[in-house]
């Protein structure tokens, strides 16, 4: 899933997506350990997706994403005022 799509999800959808991805990762690790699957690329992709989901959720909890966008806008307007 792309980062833009992750950012557009609601909080409930983020939690659901994280849970689903974690379950997929568990199942894939189990298959790899049994030798049924050689999904190294898929493992890496799932870990990255889970990290992105957790990062977006944490940004929302701290209010970082909105604050960063506000400061960037303020900085641009300050440069134009000079």
N, C-alpha and C. Protein backbone atom coordinates (compact mmCIF):
# COMPACT_ATOMS: atom_id res chain seq x y z
N UNK A 1 0.85 -1.17 0.00
CA UNK A 1 0.00 0.00 0.00
C UNK A 1 0.90 1.24 0.00
N UNK A 2 0.51 2.22 -0.76
CA UNK A 2 1.31 3.43 -0.87
C UNK A 2 1.09 4.32 0.34
N UNK A 3 2.08 5.15 0.63
CA UNK A 3 2.03 6.02 1.80
C UNK A 3 0.87 7.00 1.73
N UNK A 4 0.58 7.53 0.55
CA UNK A 4 -0.54 8.46 0.40
C UNK A 4 -1.86 7.79 0.75
N UNK A 5 -2.02 6.54 0.33
CA UNK A 5 -3.24 5.80 0.66
C UNK A 5 -3.34 5.56 2.16
N UNK A 6 -2.21 5.27 2.79
CA UNK A 6 -2.18 5.04 4.23
C UNK A 6 -2.59 6.32 4.96
N UNK A 7 -2.09 7.45 4.51
CA UNK A 7 -2.41 8.73 5.15
C UNK A 7 -3.88 9.09 5.01
N UNK A 8 -4.53 8.62 3.96
CA UNK A 8 -5.94 8.93 3.72
C UNK A 8 -6.90 8.03 4.48
N UNK A 9 -6.40 6.99 5.14
CA UNK A 9 -7.25 6.09 5.91
C UNK A 9 -7.67 6.74 7.23
N UNK A 10 -8.84 6.35 7.71
CA UNK A 10 -9.29 6.82 9.02
C UNK A 10 -8.53 6.04 10.10
N UNK A 11 -8.68 6.46 11.35
CA UNK A 11 -7.99 5.80 12.45
C UNK A 11 -8.41 4.33 12.58
N UNK A 12 -9.71 4.07 12.43
CA UNK A 12 -10.20 2.70 12.53
C UNK A 12 -9.66 1.84 11.39
N UNK A 13 -9.63 2.42 10.19
CA UNK A 13 -9.11 1.69 9.04
C UNK A 13 -7.61 1.43 9.20
N UNK A 14 -6.90 2.38 9.81
CA UNK A 14 -5.47 2.18 10.07
C UNK A 14 -5.25 1.00 11.00
N UNK A 15 -6.03 0.94 12.08
CA UNK A 15 -5.90 -0.17 13.01
C UNK A 15 -6.20 -1.50 12.35
N UNK A 16 -7.24 -1.51 11.54
CA UNK A 16 -7.63 -2.73 10.84
C UNK A 16 -6.53 -3.16 9.85
N UNK A 17 -5.99 -2.21 9.12
CA UNK A 17 -4.94 -2.51 8.15
C UNK A 17 -3.68 -3.02 8.84
N UNK A 18 -3.34 -2.42 9.98
CA UNK A 18 -2.18 -2.88 10.74
C UNK A 18 -2.37 -4.32 11.21
N UNK A 19 -3.56 -4.60 11.72
CA UNK A 19 -3.86 -5.95 12.21
C UNK A 19 -3.80 -6.96 11.06
N UNK A 20 -4.36 -6.59 9.92
CA UNK A 20 -4.36 -7.48 8.76
C UNK A 20 -2.95 -7.74 8.25
N UNK A 21 -2.15 -6.68 8.17
CA UNK A 21 -0.78 -6.82 7.69
C UNK A 21 0.06 -7.66 8.65
N UNK A 22 -0.14 -7.45 9.96
CA UNK A 22 0.60 -8.23 10.95
C UNK A 22 0.24 -9.71 10.85
N UNK A 23 -1.03 -9.99 10.60
CA UNK A 23 -1.47 -11.38 10.45
C UNK A 23 -0.86 -12.00 9.19
N UNK A 24 -0.83 -11.25 8.11
CA UNK A 24 -0.21 -11.74 6.87
C UNK A 24 1.27 -12.02 7.09
N UNK A 25 1.93 -11.11 7.81
CA UNK A 25 3.36 -11.29 8.09
C UNK A 25 3.59 -12.56 8.91
N UNK A 26 2.76 -12.79 9.91
CA UNK A 26 2.88 -13.99 10.73
C UNK A 26 2.74 -15.25 9.87
N UNK A 27 1.71 -15.26 9.03
CA UNK A 27 1.46 -16.44 8.19
C UNK A 27 2.61 -16.67 7.20
N UNK A 28 3.13 -15.59 6.64
CA UNK A 28 4.22 -15.70 5.68
C UNK A 28 5.50 -16.19 6.35
N UNK A 29 5.78 -15.67 7.55
CA UNK A 29 6.95 -16.14 8.30
C UNK A 29 6.82 -17.63 8.61
N UNK A 30 5.63 -18.05 8.95
CA UNK A 30 5.38 -19.46 9.26
C UNK A 30 5.63 -20.32 8.02
N UNK A 31 5.14 -19.87 6.86
CA UNK A 31 5.35 -20.62 5.62
C UNK A 31 6.83 -20.69 5.25
N UNK A 32 7.54 -19.59 5.43
CA UNK A 32 8.97 -19.57 5.11
C UNK A 32 9.73 -20.51 6.02
N UNK A 33 9.36 -20.53 7.31
CA UNK A 33 10.06 -21.41 8.25
C UNK A 33 9.81 -22.89 7.93
N UNK A 34 8.66 -23.19 7.34
CA UNK A 34 8.36 -24.56 6.96
C UNK A 34 8.92 -24.92 5.58
N UNK A 35 9.46 -23.93 4.91
CA UNK A 35 10.03 -24.16 3.59
C UNK A 35 9.00 -24.19 2.48
N UNK A 36 7.80 -23.76 2.75
CA UNK A 36 6.73 -23.78 1.75
C UNK A 36 6.78 -22.57 0.83
N UNK A 37 7.45 -21.51 1.29
CA UNK A 37 7.42 -20.27 0.53
C UNK A 37 8.79 -19.59 0.65
N UNK A 38 9.20 -18.93 -0.42
CA UNK A 38 10.45 -18.18 -0.40
C UNK A 38 10.10 -16.71 -0.66
N UNK A 39 9.31 -16.12 0.25
CA UNK A 39 8.78 -14.78 0.04
C UNK A 39 9.55 -13.70 0.76
N UNK A 40 10.86 -13.62 0.49
CA UNK A 40 11.69 -12.63 1.17
C UNK A 40 11.25 -11.21 0.81
N UNK A 41 10.93 -11.00 -0.44
CA UNK A 41 10.51 -9.67 -0.88
C UNK A 41 9.18 -9.28 -0.23
N UNK A 42 8.26 -10.21 -0.14
CA UNK A 42 6.96 -9.95 0.47
C UNK A 42 7.12 -9.68 1.97
N UNK A 43 8.03 -10.39 2.64
CA UNK A 43 8.30 -10.15 4.06
C UNK A 43 8.77 -8.71 4.27
N UNK A 44 9.71 -8.29 3.47
CA UNK A 44 10.25 -6.94 3.57
C UNK A 44 9.17 -5.90 3.32
N UNK A 45 8.33 -6.16 2.34
CA UNK A 45 7.26 -5.24 1.98
C UNK A 45 6.24 -5.11 3.12
N UNK A 46 5.88 -6.23 3.73
CA UNK A 46 4.92 -6.21 4.83
C UNK A 46 5.48 -5.49 6.05
N UNK A 47 6.74 -5.73 6.37
CA UNK A 47 7.36 -5.04 7.50
C UNK A 47 7.38 -3.53 7.27
N UNK A 48 7.69 -3.14 6.05
CA UNK A 48 7.72 -1.71 5.71
C UNK A 48 6.32 -1.10 5.82
N UNK A 49 5.32 -1.81 5.34
CA UNK A 49 3.94 -1.32 5.39
C UNK A 49 3.48 -1.14 6.84
N UNK A 50 3.79 -2.11 7.69
CA UNK A 50 3.41 -2.02 9.10
C UNK A 50 4.10 -0.83 9.76
N UNK A 51 5.36 -0.62 9.44
CA UNK A 51 6.09 0.52 9.99
C UNK A 51 5.47 1.84 9.54
N UNK A 52 5.09 1.93 8.28
CA UNK A 52 4.47 3.15 7.78
C UNK A 52 3.13 3.41 8.48
N UNK A 53 2.35 2.36 8.66
CA UNK A 53 1.05 2.50 9.33
C UNK A 53 1.25 2.98 10.76
N UNK A 54 2.21 2.38 11.47
CA UNK A 54 2.46 2.77 12.85
C UNK A 54 2.98 4.21 12.92
N UNK A 55 3.79 4.60 11.95
CA UNK A 55 4.31 5.97 11.92
C UNK A 55 3.20 6.98 11.71
N UNK A 56 2.31 6.71 10.77
CA UNK A 56 1.19 7.62 10.51
C UNK A 56 0.28 7.70 11.73
N UNK A 57 0.02 6.57 12.39
CA UNK A 57 -0.83 6.57 13.59
C UNK A 57 -0.17 7.39 14.70
N UNK A 58 1.12 7.26 14.86
CA UNK A 58 1.84 8.00 15.90
C UNK A 58 1.86 9.50 15.58
N UNK A 59 2.06 9.84 14.32
CA UNK A 59 2.02 11.25 13.91
C UNK A 59 0.67 11.87 14.25
N UNK A 60 -0.39 11.13 14.00
CA UNK A 60 -1.73 11.64 14.31
C UNK A 60 -1.91 11.80 15.81
N UNK A 61 -1.41 10.84 16.57
CA UNK A 61 -1.55 10.90 18.02
C UNK A 61 -0.82 12.11 18.60
N UNK A 62 0.33 12.43 18.03
CA UNK A 62 1.12 13.55 18.52
C UNK A 62 0.75 14.87 17.86
N UNK A 63 0.00 14.80 16.77
CA UNK A 63 -0.35 16.01 16.04
C UNK A 63 0.80 16.57 15.25
N UNK A 64 1.74 15.74 14.88
CA UNK A 64 2.96 16.21 14.20
C UNK A 64 2.70 16.56 12.75
N UNK A 65 2.00 15.74 12.05
CA UNK A 65 1.82 15.93 10.60
C UNK A 65 1.16 17.26 10.29
N UNK A 66 0.11 17.60 10.99
CA UNK A 66 -0.56 18.86 10.76
C UNK A 66 0.31 20.04 11.14
N UNK A 67 1.07 19.91 12.24
CA UNK A 67 1.93 21.00 12.69
C UNK A 67 3.07 21.24 11.71
N UNK A 68 3.60 20.19 11.14
CA UNK A 68 4.69 20.33 10.18
C UNK A 68 4.22 21.05 8.93
N UNK A 69 3.02 20.75 8.49
CA UNK A 69 2.48 21.41 7.30
C UNK A 69 2.22 22.88 7.59
N UNK A 70 1.75 23.20 8.80
CA UNK A 70 1.49 24.59 9.18
C UNK A 70 2.78 25.40 9.24
N UNK A 71 3.85 24.83 9.78
CA UNK A 71 5.11 25.56 9.89
C UNK A 71 5.74 25.75 8.52
N UNK A 72 5.57 24.78 7.63
CA UNK A 72 6.11 24.93 6.27
C UNK A 72 5.38 26.05 5.53
N UNK A 73 4.10 26.15 5.71
CA UNK A 73 3.31 27.22 5.09
C UNK A 73 3.70 28.56 5.67
N UNK A 74 3.91 28.62 6.98
CA UNK A 74 4.31 29.86 7.63
C UNK A 74 5.69 30.30 7.17
N UNK A 75 6.60 29.35 6.99
CA UNK A 75 7.94 29.68 6.53
C UNK A 75 7.93 30.24 5.12
N UNK A 76 7.10 29.67 4.25
CA UNK A 76 6.98 30.16 2.88
C UNK A 76 6.42 31.57 2.84
N UNK A 77 5.41 31.83 3.68
CA UNK A 77 4.80 33.16 3.69
C UNK A 77 5.77 34.18 4.30
N UNK A 78 6.60 33.77 5.24
CA UNK A 78 7.58 34.67 5.83
C UNK A 78 8.65 35.06 4.82
N UNK A 79 9.05 34.13 3.96
CA UNK A 79 10.04 34.43 2.92
C UNK A 79 9.47 35.43 1.92
N UNK A 80 8.19 35.29 1.62
CA UNK A 80 7.53 36.20 0.66
C UNK A 80 7.36 37.59 1.23
N UNK A 81 7.28 37.73 2.56
CA UNK A 81 7.07 39.03 3.20
C UNK A 81 8.32 39.87 3.22
N UNK A 82 9.47 39.25 3.07
CA UNK A 82 10.74 40.00 3.13
C UNK A 82 10.94 40.81 1.95
